[in-house]
């Protein structure tokens, strides 16, 4: 039986790249991701302070996990 491990991260808060800077966009949201050892990614954006979902996306990637 294979065991599934998931890593979770709050990736950023309403940021965008404007070279050479990273700026906050206003209209704030949290962007959170879950990465699993079976290659699945689940990403979700939520309004800051409102607990209202903005979007959810998913994808599958080939990835190699390293445990330290």
PDB file of N, CA and C in Angstrom:
ATOM      1  N   UNK A   1       0.836  -1.184   0.000  1.00  0.00           N
ATOM      2  CA  UNK A   1       0.000   0.000   0.000  1.00  0.00           C
ATOM      3  C   UNK A   1       0.880   1.248   0.000  1.00  0.00           C
ATOM      4  N   UNK A   2       0.628   2.158  -0.918  1.00  0.00           N
ATOM      5  CA  UNK A   2       1.386   3.414  -0.984  1.00  0.00           C
ATOM      6  C   UNK A   2       0.828   4.416   0.016  1.00  0.00           C
ATOM      7  N   UNK A   3       1.718   5.130   0.643  1.00  0.00           N
ATOM      8  CA  UNK A   3       1.318   6.182   1.577  1.00  0.00           C
ATOM      9  C   UNK A   3       1.382   7.525   0.850  1.00  0.00           C
ATOM     10  N   UNK A   4       0.397   8.370   1.070  1.00  0.00           N
ATOM     11  CA  UNK A   4       0.342   9.688   0.462  1.00  0.00           C
ATOM     12  C   UNK A   4       0.744  10.728   1.496  1.00  0.00           C
ATOM     13  N   UNK A   5       1.692  11.588   1.120  1.00  0.00           N
ATOM     14  CA  UNK A   5       2.123  12.683   1.984  1.00  0.00           C
ATOM     15  C   UNK A   5       1.807  13.982   1.257  1.00  0.00           C
ATOM     16  N   UNK A   6       1.270  14.952   1.997  1.00  0.00           N
ATOM     17  CA  UNK A   6       0.900  16.238   1.411  1.00  0.00           C
ATOM     18  C   UNK A   6       1.607  17.354   2.170  1.00  0.00           C
ATOM     19  N   UNK A   7       2.238  18.264   1.425  1.00  0.00           N
ATOM     20  CA  UNK A   7       2.833  19.469   1.998  1.00  0.00           C
ATOM     21  C   UNK A   7       1.936  20.644   1.687  1.00  0.00           C
ATOM     22  N   UNK A   8       1.715  21.508   2.672  1.00  0.00           N
ATOM     23  CA  UNK A   8       0.817  22.642   2.503  1.00  0.00           C
ATOM     24  C   UNK A   8       1.591  23.933   2.725  1.00  0.00           C
ATOM     25  N   UNK A   9       1.242  24.959   1.938  1.00  0.00           N
ATOM     26  CA  UNK A   9       1.936  26.226   2.046  1.00  0.00           C
ATOM     27  C   UNK A   9       0.994  27.389   1.775  1.00  0.00           C
ATOM     28  N   UNK A  10       1.137  28.459   2.545  1.00  0.00           N
ATOM     29  CA  UNK A  10       0.548  29.739   2.155  1.00  0.00           C
ATOM     30  C   UNK A  10       1.599  30.381   1.262  1.00  0.00           C
ATOM     31  N   UNK A  11       1.332  30.338  -0.040  1.00  0.00           N
ATOM     32  CA  UNK A  11       2.336  30.706  -1.024  1.00  0.00           C
ATOM     33  C   UNK A  11       2.627  32.196  -1.006  1.00  0.00           C
ATOM     34  N   UNK A  12       1.580  33.005  -1.050  1.00  0.00           N
ATOM     35  CA  UNK A  12       1.770  34.452  -0.932  1.00  0.00           C
ATOM     36  C   UNK A  12       0.452  35.144  -0.641  1.00  0.00           C
ATOM     37  N   UNK A  13       0.525  36.439  -0.353  1.00  0.00           N
ATOM     38  CA  UNK A  13      -0.663  37.240  -0.082  1.00  0.00           C
ATOM     39  C   UNK A  13      -0.716  38.363  -1.114  1.00  0.00           C
ATOM     40  N   UNK A  14      -1.579  38.222  -2.130  1.00  0.00           N
ATOM     41  CA  UNK A  14      -1.870  39.274  -3.121  1.00  0.00           C
ATOM     42  C   UNK A  14      -0.633  39.903  -3.750  1.00  0.00           C
ATOM     43  N   UNK A  15       0.328  39.095  -4.141  1.00  0.00           N
ATOM     44  CA  UNK A  15       1.552  39.646  -4.708  1.00  0.00           C
ATOM     45  C   UNK A  15       1.585  39.474  -6.213  1.00  0.00           C
ATOM     46  N   UNK A  16       2.290  40.393  -6.877  1.00  0.00           N
ATOM     47  CA  UNK A  16       2.573  40.244  -8.298  1.00  0.00           C
ATOM     48  C   UNK A  16       3.980  40.761  -8.547  1.00  0.00           C
ATOM     49  N   UNK A  17       4.598  40.256  -9.595  1.00  0.00           N
ATOM     50  CA  UNK A  17       5.949  40.651  -9.950  1.00  0.00           C
ATOM     51  C   UNK A  17       5.892  41.829 -10.902  1.00  0.00           C
ATOM     52  N   UNK A  18       6.530  42.937 -10.499  1.00  0.00           N
ATOM     53  CA  UNK A  18       6.726  44.104 -11.355  1.00  0.00           C
ATOM     54  C   UNK A  18       8.227  44.362 -11.295  1.00  0.00           C
ATOM     55  N   UNK A  19       8.944  43.792 -12.278  1.00  0.00           N
ATOM     56  CA  UNK A  19      10.411  43.814 -12.235  1.00  0.00           C
ATOM     57  C   UNK A  19      10.950  45.197 -11.925  1.00  0.00           C
ATOM     58  N   UNK A  20      11.893  45.301 -11.031  1.00  0.00           N
ATOM     59  CA  UNK A  20      12.544  44.237 -10.267  1.00  0.00           C
ATOM     60  C   UNK A  20      11.877  44.003  -8.905  1.00  0.00           C
ATOM     61  N   UNK A  21      10.650  44.437  -8.722  1.00  0.00           N
ATOM     62  CA  UNK A  21      10.002  44.385  -7.410  1.00  0.00           C
ATOM     63  C   UNK A  21       8.854  43.383  -7.373  1.00  0.00           C
ATOM     64  N   UNK A  22       8.499  42.994  -6.153  1.00  0.00           N
ATOM     65  CA  UNK A  22       7.270  42.258  -5.893  1.00  0.00           C
ATOM     66  C   UNK A  22       6.357  43.234  -5.161  1.00  0.00           C
ATOM     67  N   UNK A  23       5.147  43.436  -5.698  1.00  0.00           N
ATOM     68  CA  UNK A  23       4.225  44.416  -5.125  1.00  0.00           C
ATOM     69  C   UNK A  23       2.948  43.748  -4.640  1.00  0.00           C
ATOM     70  N   UNK A  24       2.319  44.346  -3.636  1.00  0.00           N
ATOM     71  CA  UNK A  24       1.004  43.912  -3.192  1.00  0.00           C
ATOM     72  C   UNK A  24      -0.040  44.551  -4.091  1.00  0.00           C
ATOM     73  N   UNK A  25      -1.086  43.798  -4.459  1.00  0.00           N
ATOM     74  CA  UNK A  25      -2.041  44.251  -5.445  1.00  0.00           C
ATOM     75  C   UNK A  25      -3.226  45.011  -4.861  1.00  0.00           C
ATOM     76  N   UNK A  26      -3.425  45.014  -3.546  1.00  0.00           N
ATOM     77  CA  UNK A  26      -4.684  45.507  -2.994  1.00  0.00           C
ATOM     78  C   UNK A  26      -5.715  44.408  -3.199  1.00  0.00           C
ATOM     79  N   UNK A  27      -6.966  44.621  -2.819  1.00  0.00           N
ATOM     80  CA  UNK A  27      -7.993  43.587  -2.977  1.00  0.00           C
ATOM     81  C   UNK A  27      -7.424  42.243  -2.506  1.00  0.00           C
ATOM     82  N   UNK A  28      -6.993  42.208  -1.277  1.00  0.00           N
ATOM     83  CA  UNK A  28      -6.121  41.159  -0.740  1.00  0.00           C
ATOM     84  C   UNK A  28      -6.741  39.770  -0.714  1.00  0.00           C
ATOM     85  N   UNK A  29      -5.889  38.779  -0.995  1.00  0.00           N
ATOM     86  CA  UNK A  29      -6.274  37.373  -0.928  1.00  0.00           C
ATOM     87  C   UNK A  29      -5.080  36.543  -0.475  1.00  0.00           C
ATOM     88  N   UNK A  30      -5.382  35.404   0.126  1.00  0.00           N
ATOM     89  CA  UNK A  30      -4.375  34.392   0.445  1.00  0.00           C
ATOM     90  C   UNK A  30      -4.329  33.405  -0.710  1.00  0.00           C
ATOM     91  N   UNK A  31      -3.132  32.990  -1.115  1.00  0.00           N
ATOM     92  CA  UNK A  31      -2.985  31.935  -2.115  1.00  0.00           C
ATOM     93  C   UNK A  31      -2.312  30.762  -1.424  1.00  0.00           C
ATOM     94  N   UNK A  32      -3.029  29.651  -1.286  1.00  0.00           N
ATOM     95  CA  UNK A  32      -2.529  28.485  -0.577  1.00  0.00           C
ATOM     96  C   UNK A  32      -2.397  27.311  -1.537  1.00  0.00           C
ATOM     97  N   UNK A  33      -1.399  26.478  -1.301  1.00  0.00           N
ATOM     98  CA  UNK A  33      -1.185  25.313  -2.154  1.00  0.00           C
ATOM     99  C   UNK A  33      -0.991  24.055  -1.313  1.00  0.00           C
ATOM    100  N   UNK A  34      -1.419  22.933  -1.872  1.00  0.00           N
ATOM    101  CA  UNK A  34      -1.159  21.593  -1.329  1.00  0.00           C
ATOM    102  C   UNK A  34      -0.450  20.790  -2.410  1.00  0.00           C
ATOM    103  N   UNK A  35       0.704  20.254  -2.082  1.00  0.00           N
ATOM    104  CA  UNK A  35       1.480  19.424  -3.005  1.00  0.00           C
ATOM    105  C   UNK A  35       1.527  18.012  -2.441  1.00  0.00           C
ATOM    106  N   UNK A  36       1.182  17.011  -3.251  1.00  0.00           N
ATOM    107  CA  UNK A  36       1.136  15.631  -2.773  1.00  0.00           C
ATOM    108  C   UNK A  36       2.191  14.770  -3.464  1.00  0.00           C
ATOM    109  N   UNK A  37       2.594  13.699  -2.782  1.00  0.00           N
ATOM    110  CA  UNK A  37       3.625  12.814  -3.327  1.00  0.00           C
ATOM    111  C   UNK A  37       3.148  12.042  -4.553  1.00  0.00           C
ATOM    112  N   UNK A  38       1.851  12.043  -4.837  1.00  0.00           N
ATOM    113  CA  UNK A  38       1.378  11.400  -6.073  1.00  0.00           C
ATOM    114  C   UNK A  38       1.391  12.358  -7.261  1.00  0.00           C
ATOM    115  N   UNK A  39       1.922  13.594  -7.061  1.00  0.00           N
ATOM    116  CA  UNK A  39       2.071  14.562  -8.146  1.00  0.00           C
ATOM    117  C   UNK A  39       0.940  15.559  -8.272  1.00  0.00           C
ATOM    118  N   UNK A  40      -0.062  15.488  -7.401  1.00  0.00           N
ATOM    119  CA  UNK A  40      -1.176  16.424  -7.528  1.00  0.00           C
ATOM    120  C   UNK A  40      -0.899  17.733  -6.787  1.00  0.00           C
ATOM    121  N   UNK A  41      -1.389  18.806  -7.376  1.00  0.00           N
ATOM    122  CA  UNK A  41      -1.329  20.141  -6.798  1.00  0.00           C
ATOM    123  C   UNK A  41      -2.755  20.660  -6.688  1.00  0.00           C
ATOM    124  N   UNK A  42      -3.114  21.164  -5.528  1.00  0.00           N
ATOM    125  CA  UNK A  42      -4.377  21.859  -5.338  1.00  0.00           C
ATOM    126  C   UNK A  42      -4.043  23.268  -4.864  1.00  0.00           C
ATOM    127  N   UNK A  43      -4.545  24.280  -5.573  1.00  0.00           N
ATOM    128  CA  UNK A  43      -4.289  25.675  -5.215  1.00  0.00           C
ATOM    129  C   UNK A  43      -5.625  26.371  -4.978  1.00  0.00           C
ATOM    130  N   UNK A  44      -5.647  27.257  -3.997  1.00  0.00           N
ATOM    131  CA  UNK A  44      -6.874  27.926  -3.624  1.00  0.00           C
ATOM    132  C   UNK A  44      -6.572  29.371  -3.241  1.00  0.00           C
ATOM    133  N   UNK A  45      -7.448  30.286  -3.663  1.00  0.00           N
ATOM    134  CA  UNK A  45      -7.321  31.699  -3.268  1.00  0.00           C
ATOM    135  C   UNK A  45      -8.554  32.082  -2.448  1.00  0.00           C
ATOM    136  N   UNK A  46      -8.298  32.795  -1.324  1.00  0.00           N
ATOM    137  CA  UNK A  46      -9.371  33.202  -0.408  1.00  0.00           C
ATOM    138  C   UNK A  46      -9.197  34.668  -0.050  1.00  0.00           C
ATOM    139  N   UNK A  47     -10.309  35.403  -0.003  1.00  0.00           N
ATOM    140  CA  UNK A  47     -10.268  36.801   0.426  1.00  0.00           C
ATOM    141  C   UNK A  47      -9.746  36.889   1.850  1.00  0.00           C
ATOM    142  N   UNK A  48      -8.870  37.860   2.114  1.00  0.00           N
ATOM    143  CA  UNK A  48      -8.360  38.095   3.455  1.00  0.00           C
ATOM    144  C   UNK A  48      -9.475  38.712   4.296  1.00  0.00           C
ATOM    145  N   UNK A  49      -9.750  38.125   5.454  1.00  0.00           N
ATOM    146  CA  UNK A  49     -10.719  38.664   6.393  1.00  0.00           C
ATOM    147  C   UNK A  49     -12.160  38.263   6.147  1.00  0.00           C
ATOM    148  N   UNK A  50     -12.507  37.756   4.962  1.00  0.00           N
ATOM    149  CA  UNK A  50     -13.898  37.430   4.643  1.00  0.00           C
ATOM    150  C   UNK A  50     -14.197  35.938   4.630  1.00  0.00           C
ATOM    151  N   UNK A  51     -13.166  35.104   4.505  1.00  0.00           N
ATOM    152  CA  UNK A  51     -13.325  33.662   4.339  1.00  0.00           C
ATOM    153  C   UNK A  51     -14.270  33.351   3.176  1.00  0.00           C
ATOM    154  N   UNK A  52     -14.021  34.020   2.046  1.00  0.00           N
ATOM    155  CA  UNK A  52     -14.784  33.815   0.817  1.00  0.00           C
ATOM    156  C   UNK A  52     -13.819  33.296  -0.241  1.00  0.00           C
ATOM    157  N   UNK A  53     -14.157  32.166  -0.854  1.00  0.00           N
ATOM    158  CA  UNK A  53     -13.299  31.564  -1.873  1.00  0.00           C
ATOM    159  C   UNK A  53     -13.331  32.374  -3.160  1.00  0.00           C
ATOM    160  N   UNK A  54     -12.154  32.606  -3.749  1.00  0.00           N
ATOM    161  CA  UNK A  54     -12.055  33.278  -5.042  1.00  0.00           C
ATOM    162  C   UNK A  54     -11.898  32.283  -6.185  1.00  0.00           C
ATOM    163  N   UNK A  55     -11.092  31.259  -5.958  1.00  0.00           N
ATOM    164  CA  UNK A  55     -10.887  30.264  -7.012  1.00  0.00           C
ATOM    165  C   UNK A  55     -10.171  29.051  -6.447  1.00  0.00           C
ATOM    166  N   UNK A  56     -10.308  27.944  -7.153  1.00  0.00           N
ATOM    167  CA  UNK A  56      -9.605  26.702  -6.848  1.00  0.00           C
ATOM    168  C   UNK A  56      -9.113  26.127  -8.166  1.00  0.00           C
ATOM    169  N   UNK A  57      -7.875  25.687  -8.189  1.00  0.00           N
ATOM    170  CA  UNK A  57      -7.320  25.060  -9.378  1.00  0.00           C
ATOM    171  C   UNK A  57      -6.578  23.796  -8.977  1.00  0.00           C
ATOM    172  N   UNK A  58      -6.383  22.934  -9.934  1.00  0.00           N
ATOM    173  CA  UNK A  58      -5.638  21.709  -9.684  1.00  0.00           C
ATOM    174  C   UNK A  58      -4.851  21.317 -10.906  1.00  0.00           C
ATOM    175  N   UNK A  59      -3.792  20.571 -10.680  1.00  0.00           N
ATOM    176  CA  UNK A  59      -2.943  20.099 -11.773  1.00  0.00           C
ATOM    177  C   UNK A  59      -2.181  18.878 -11.276  1.00  0.00           C
ATOM    178  N   UNK A  60      -1.541  18.199 -12.201  1.00  0.00           N
ATOM    179  CA  UNK A  60      -0.682  17.066 -11.872  1.00  0.00           C
ATOM    180  C   UNK A  60       0.688  17.300 -12.487  1.00  0.00           C
ATOM    181  N   UNK A  61       1.737  17.086 -11.699  1.00  0.00           N
ATOM    182  CA  UNK A  61       3.114  17.315 -12.140  1.00  0.00           C
ATOM    183  C   UNK A  61       3.975  16.113 -11.794  1.00  0.00           C
ATOM    184  N   UNK A  62       4.989  15.863 -12.632  1.00  0.00           N
ATOM    185  CA  UNK A  62       6.037  14.933 -12.250  1.00  0.00           C
ATOM    186  C   UNK A  62       6.937  15.661 -11.277  1.00  0.00           C
ATOM    187  N   UNK A  63       7.171  15.081 -10.118  1.00  0.00           N
ATOM    188  CA  UNK A  63       8.041  15.730  -9.152  1.00  0.00           C
ATOM    189  C   UNK A  63       8.791  14.691  -8.332  1.00  0.00           C
ATOM    190  N   UNK A  64       9.925  15.119  -7.835  1.00  0.00           N
ATOM    191  CA  UNK A  64      10.739  14.272  -6.971  1.00  0.00           C
ATOM    192  C   UNK A  64      10.784  14.923  -5.590  1.00  0.00           C
ATOM    193  N   UNK A  65      10.484  14.145  -4.570  1.00  0.00           N
ATOM    194  CA  UNK A  65      10.495  14.639  -3.200  1.00  0.00           C
ATOM    195  C   UNK A  65      11.798  14.228  -2.541  1.00  0.00           C
ATOM    196  N   UNK A  66      12.357  15.141  -1.760  1.00  0.00           N
ATOM    197  CA  UNK A  66      13.562  14.883  -0.984  1.00  0.00           C
ATOM    198  C   UNK A  66      13.240  15.086   0.492  1.00  0.00           C
ATOM    199  N   UNK A  67      13.568  14.127   1.309  1.00  0.00           N
ATOM    200  CA  UNK A  67      13.322  14.225   2.744  1.00  0.00           C
ATOM    201  C   UNK A  67      14.675  14.411   3.432  1.00  0.00           C
ATOM    202  N   UNK A  68      14.750  15.449   4.232  1.00  0.00           N
ATOM    203  CA  UNK A  68      16.003  15.736   4.948  1.00  0.00           C
ATOM    204  C   UNK A  68      15.865  15.380   6.403  1.00  0.00           C
TER     205      UNK A  68
END
